N, C-alpha and C. Protein backbone atom coordinates (compact mmCIF):
# COMPACT_ATOMS: atom_id res chain seq x y z
N MET A 1 -113.72 -103.35 -67.50
CA MET A 1 -113.75 -104.35 -68.53
C MET A 1 -114.93 -105.27 -68.27
N ARG A 2 -115.68 -105.51 -69.31
CA ARG A 2 -116.86 -106.35 -69.18
C ARG A 2 -116.64 -107.70 -69.87
N ILE A 3 -117.12 -108.73 -69.21
CA ILE A 3 -117.01 -110.08 -69.75
C ILE A 3 -118.42 -110.63 -69.90
N TYR A 4 -118.69 -111.15 -71.08
CA TYR A 4 -120.01 -111.66 -71.40
C TYR A 4 -119.96 -113.17 -71.63
N ALA A 5 -121.09 -113.82 -71.46
CA ALA A 5 -121.18 -115.27 -71.62
C ALA A 5 -121.01 -115.69 -73.08
N ASP A 6 -121.38 -114.80 -74.01
CA ASP A 6 -121.27 -115.14 -75.42
C ASP A 6 -120.80 -113.94 -76.23
N GLN A 7 -120.48 -114.17 -77.49
CA GLN A 7 -119.96 -113.11 -78.35
C GLN A 7 -121.01 -112.05 -78.68
N ASN A 8 -122.28 -112.37 -78.56
CA ASN A 8 -123.35 -111.42 -78.84
C ASN A 8 -123.60 -110.45 -77.68
N LYS A 9 -122.87 -110.63 -76.59
CA LYS A 9 -122.98 -109.78 -75.39
C LYS A 9 -124.40 -109.77 -74.83
N ASN A 10 -125.00 -110.96 -74.78
CA ASN A 10 -126.36 -111.08 -74.26
C ASN A 10 -126.40 -111.15 -72.73
N GLU A 11 -125.41 -111.80 -72.13
CA GLU A 11 -125.43 -111.98 -70.68
C GLU A 11 -124.11 -111.54 -70.06
N LEU A 12 -124.17 -110.49 -69.25
CA LEU A 12 -123.00 -109.99 -68.54
C LEU A 12 -122.65 -110.96 -67.42
N THR A 13 -121.40 -111.42 -67.40
CA THR A 13 -121.00 -112.37 -66.36
C THR A 13 -120.01 -111.78 -65.36
N ALA A 14 -119.24 -110.76 -65.78
CA ALA A 14 -118.26 -110.16 -64.88
C ALA A 14 -117.92 -108.75 -65.32
N VAL A 15 -117.56 -107.91 -64.33
CA VAL A 15 -117.06 -106.56 -64.59
C VAL A 15 -115.80 -106.41 -63.75
N ILE A 16 -114.71 -106.01 -64.39
CA ILE A 16 -113.43 -105.84 -63.71
C ILE A 16 -113.00 -104.39 -63.86
N CYS A 17 -112.61 -103.76 -62.75
CA CYS A 17 -112.16 -102.37 -62.77
C CYS A 17 -110.89 -102.29 -63.62
N ASN A 18 -110.90 -101.41 -64.61
CA ASN A 18 -109.74 -101.25 -65.48
C ASN A 18 -108.54 -100.65 -64.74
N GLN A 19 -108.77 -99.96 -63.61
CA GLN A 19 -107.67 -99.33 -62.88
C GLN A 19 -106.99 -100.29 -61.91
N CYS A 20 -107.78 -100.93 -61.02
CA CYS A 20 -107.18 -101.75 -59.95
C CYS A 20 -107.40 -103.25 -60.12
N LYS A 21 -108.17 -103.65 -61.12
CA LYS A 21 -108.49 -105.04 -61.43
C LYS A 21 -109.44 -105.71 -60.43
N LYS A 22 -110.10 -104.92 -59.61
CA LYS A 22 -111.08 -105.48 -58.68
C LYS A 22 -112.25 -106.03 -59.49
N GLU A 23 -112.71 -107.24 -59.13
CA GLU A 23 -113.89 -107.80 -59.78
C GLU A 23 -115.13 -107.35 -59.03
N LEU A 24 -116.01 -106.68 -59.74
CA LEU A 24 -117.23 -106.18 -59.13
C LEU A 24 -118.29 -107.28 -59.08
N LYS A 25 -119.22 -107.14 -58.14
CA LYS A 25 -120.27 -108.15 -57.97
C LYS A 25 -121.28 -108.04 -59.11
N VAL A 26 -121.51 -109.16 -59.78
CA VAL A 26 -122.51 -109.25 -60.85
C VAL A 26 -123.38 -110.45 -60.54
N LYS A 27 -124.70 -110.22 -60.53
CA LYS A 27 -125.64 -111.31 -60.27
C LYS A 27 -126.73 -111.27 -61.34
N LYS A 28 -126.90 -112.37 -62.03
CA LYS A 28 -127.90 -112.48 -63.09
C LYS A 28 -127.79 -111.34 -64.11
N GLY A 29 -126.55 -110.98 -64.45
CA GLY A 29 -126.31 -109.96 -65.46
C GLY A 29 -126.43 -108.53 -64.99
N ILE A 30 -126.60 -108.32 -63.66
CA ILE A 30 -126.77 -106.97 -63.11
C ILE A 30 -125.60 -106.66 -62.17
N ILE A 31 -124.98 -105.49 -62.36
CA ILE A 31 -123.88 -105.06 -61.50
C ILE A 31 -124.48 -104.66 -60.16
N LYS A 32 -123.97 -105.27 -59.08
CA LYS A 32 -124.55 -105.08 -57.75
C LYS A 32 -123.72 -104.18 -56.84
N GLU A 33 -122.89 -103.32 -57.41
CA GLU A 33 -122.16 -102.33 -56.62
C GLU A 33 -121.80 -101.15 -57.50
N GLY A 34 -121.30 -100.08 -56.89
CA GLY A 34 -121.00 -98.87 -57.63
C GLY A 34 -119.99 -99.11 -58.74
N CYS A 35 -120.31 -98.62 -59.93
CA CYS A 35 -119.44 -98.79 -61.09
C CYS A 35 -119.59 -97.58 -62.01
N PHE A 36 -118.47 -96.98 -62.39
CA PHE A 36 -118.48 -95.91 -63.38
C PHE A 36 -118.15 -96.53 -64.73
N CYS A 37 -119.02 -96.32 -65.69
CA CYS A 37 -118.83 -96.87 -67.03
C CYS A 37 -118.48 -95.72 -67.97
N GLY A 38 -117.27 -95.72 -68.46
CA GLY A 38 -116.84 -94.69 -69.41
C GLY A 38 -116.91 -95.24 -70.83
N ASP A 39 -117.45 -94.45 -71.74
CA ASP A 39 -117.57 -94.86 -73.14
C ASP A 39 -117.51 -93.61 -74.02
N ILE A 40 -116.50 -93.52 -74.85
CA ILE A 40 -116.32 -92.33 -75.69
C ILE A 40 -115.97 -92.75 -77.11
N ARG A 41 -116.61 -92.11 -78.06
CA ARG A 41 -116.29 -92.29 -79.47
C ARG A 41 -115.66 -90.99 -79.94
N PHE A 42 -114.41 -91.04 -80.31
CA PHE A 42 -113.70 -89.85 -80.75
C PHE A 42 -114.03 -89.56 -82.20
N GLY A 43 -114.22 -88.30 -82.48
CA GLY A 43 -114.58 -87.89 -83.83
C GLY A 43 -113.58 -86.92 -84.40
N TYR A 44 -114.06 -86.10 -85.29
CA TYR A 44 -113.22 -85.10 -85.94
C TYR A 44 -112.55 -84.20 -84.91
N PHE A 45 -111.41 -83.65 -85.28
CA PHE A 45 -110.64 -82.72 -84.47
C PHE A 45 -110.01 -83.39 -83.24
N SER A 46 -109.92 -84.69 -83.25
CA SER A 46 -109.29 -85.43 -82.16
C SER A 46 -108.10 -86.21 -82.71
N ARG A 47 -107.10 -86.40 -81.89
CA ARG A 47 -105.96 -87.24 -82.30
C ARG A 47 -106.36 -88.72 -82.33
N LYS A 48 -107.55 -89.04 -81.80
CA LYS A 48 -108.03 -90.42 -81.77
C LYS A 48 -109.22 -90.60 -82.71
N ASP A 49 -109.29 -89.80 -83.75
CA ASP A 49 -110.40 -89.79 -84.70
C ASP A 49 -110.75 -91.21 -85.15
N GLY A 50 -112.02 -91.58 -84.99
CA GLY A 50 -112.48 -92.90 -85.42
C GLY A 50 -112.25 -94.00 -84.42
N SER A 51 -111.84 -93.66 -83.22
CA SER A 51 -111.54 -94.66 -82.19
C SER A 51 -112.59 -94.60 -81.09
N ARG A 52 -112.92 -95.75 -80.53
CA ARG A 52 -113.84 -95.82 -79.39
C ARG A 52 -113.10 -96.40 -78.19
N HIS A 53 -113.23 -95.75 -77.05
CA HIS A 53 -112.63 -96.23 -75.81
C HIS A 53 -113.76 -96.50 -74.82
N SER A 54 -113.69 -97.61 -74.12
CA SER A 54 -114.65 -97.90 -73.05
C SER A 54 -113.91 -98.54 -71.88
N PHE A 55 -114.38 -98.23 -70.67
CA PHE A 55 -113.75 -98.78 -69.47
C PHE A 55 -114.72 -98.72 -68.31
N ASP A 56 -114.40 -99.46 -67.27
CA ASP A 56 -115.20 -99.49 -66.04
C ASP A 56 -114.29 -99.22 -64.86
N LEU A 57 -114.78 -98.44 -63.91
CA LEU A 57 -114.04 -98.16 -62.68
C LEU A 57 -114.90 -98.53 -61.48
N CYS A 58 -114.27 -99.17 -60.49
CA CYS A 58 -114.98 -99.41 -59.23
C CYS A 58 -115.17 -98.06 -58.54
N GLU A 59 -116.01 -98.02 -57.54
CA GLU A 59 -116.32 -96.76 -56.88
C GLU A 59 -115.09 -96.13 -56.23
N GLU A 60 -114.20 -96.94 -55.68
CA GLU A 60 -112.99 -96.41 -55.04
C GLU A 60 -112.07 -95.74 -56.06
N CYS A 61 -111.89 -96.36 -57.23
CA CYS A 61 -111.04 -95.76 -58.26
C CYS A 61 -111.69 -94.52 -58.86
N TYR A 62 -113.00 -94.52 -58.97
CA TYR A 62 -113.71 -93.33 -59.43
C TYR A 62 -113.47 -92.17 -58.47
N ASP A 63 -113.57 -92.44 -57.16
CA ASP A 63 -113.36 -91.40 -56.16
C ASP A 63 -111.94 -90.83 -56.25
N LYS A 64 -110.94 -91.71 -56.47
CA LYS A 64 -109.56 -91.24 -56.61
C LYS A 64 -109.41 -90.38 -57.86
N LEU A 65 -110.05 -90.75 -58.94
CA LEU A 65 -109.97 -90.00 -60.19
C LEU A 65 -110.53 -88.60 -60.03
N ILE A 66 -111.73 -88.48 -59.50
CA ILE A 66 -112.37 -87.17 -59.42
C ILE A 66 -111.75 -86.28 -58.34
N LYS A 67 -111.07 -86.89 -57.39
CA LYS A 67 -110.40 -86.10 -56.35
C LYS A 67 -109.33 -85.19 -56.96
N GLY A 68 -108.76 -85.59 -58.08
CA GLY A 68 -107.72 -84.81 -58.73
C GLY A 68 -108.23 -83.77 -59.71
N PHE A 69 -109.53 -83.63 -59.88
CA PHE A 69 -110.09 -82.67 -60.82
C PHE A 69 -109.87 -81.24 -60.32
N ALA A 70 -109.51 -80.34 -61.22
CA ALA A 70 -109.37 -78.92 -60.88
C ALA A 70 -110.74 -78.30 -60.65
N ILE A 71 -111.73 -78.77 -61.38
CA ILE A 71 -113.12 -78.32 -61.20
C ILE A 71 -113.90 -79.52 -60.70
N PRO A 72 -114.51 -79.43 -59.52
CA PRO A 72 -115.23 -80.60 -58.97
C PRO A 72 -116.38 -81.04 -59.87
N VAL A 73 -116.72 -82.32 -59.77
CA VAL A 73 -117.87 -82.84 -60.50
C VAL A 73 -119.14 -82.20 -59.95
N GLU A 74 -120.15 -82.09 -60.78
CA GLU A 74 -121.43 -81.59 -60.33
C GLU A 74 -122.19 -82.74 -59.68
N GLU A 75 -122.70 -82.51 -58.49
CA GLU A 75 -123.44 -83.53 -57.77
C GLU A 75 -124.85 -83.05 -57.49
N GLU A 76 -125.80 -83.97 -57.56
CA GLU A 76 -127.16 -83.67 -57.14
C GLU A 76 -127.76 -84.95 -56.58
N GLU A 77 -128.65 -84.80 -55.64
CA GLU A 77 -129.29 -85.94 -55.02
C GLU A 77 -130.42 -86.43 -55.90
N VAL A 78 -130.52 -87.74 -56.06
CA VAL A 78 -131.61 -88.34 -56.83
C VAL A 78 -132.42 -89.22 -55.90
N THR A 79 -133.71 -89.32 -56.19
CA THR A 79 -134.59 -90.13 -55.35
C THR A 79 -135.10 -91.36 -56.05
N GLU A 80 -134.96 -91.40 -57.38
CA GLU A 80 -135.38 -92.58 -58.14
C GLU A 80 -134.17 -93.23 -58.77
N PHE A 81 -134.06 -94.52 -58.61
CA PHE A 81 -132.94 -95.27 -59.16
C PHE A 81 -133.43 -96.16 -60.29
N ILE A 82 -132.64 -96.24 -61.33
CA ILE A 82 -133.02 -97.08 -62.48
C ILE A 82 -132.47 -98.47 -62.28
């Protein structure tokens, strides 16, 4: 869950894990620790047609989520960070 300073969402002030409610470190509008940001817009052929879901997970909750996958996530090493 993201909290902004104003309704226009110009300045990010806080990020809270939707699973465990941990508040992640945010400094000057930048998330300063691992965070998985989920955002999906459901379309045709879905029971959630026309609905958008978004959520944030701390790194620990993300690790717990993917641990239960029947097919592991694809991982690759990156050398440049955005």
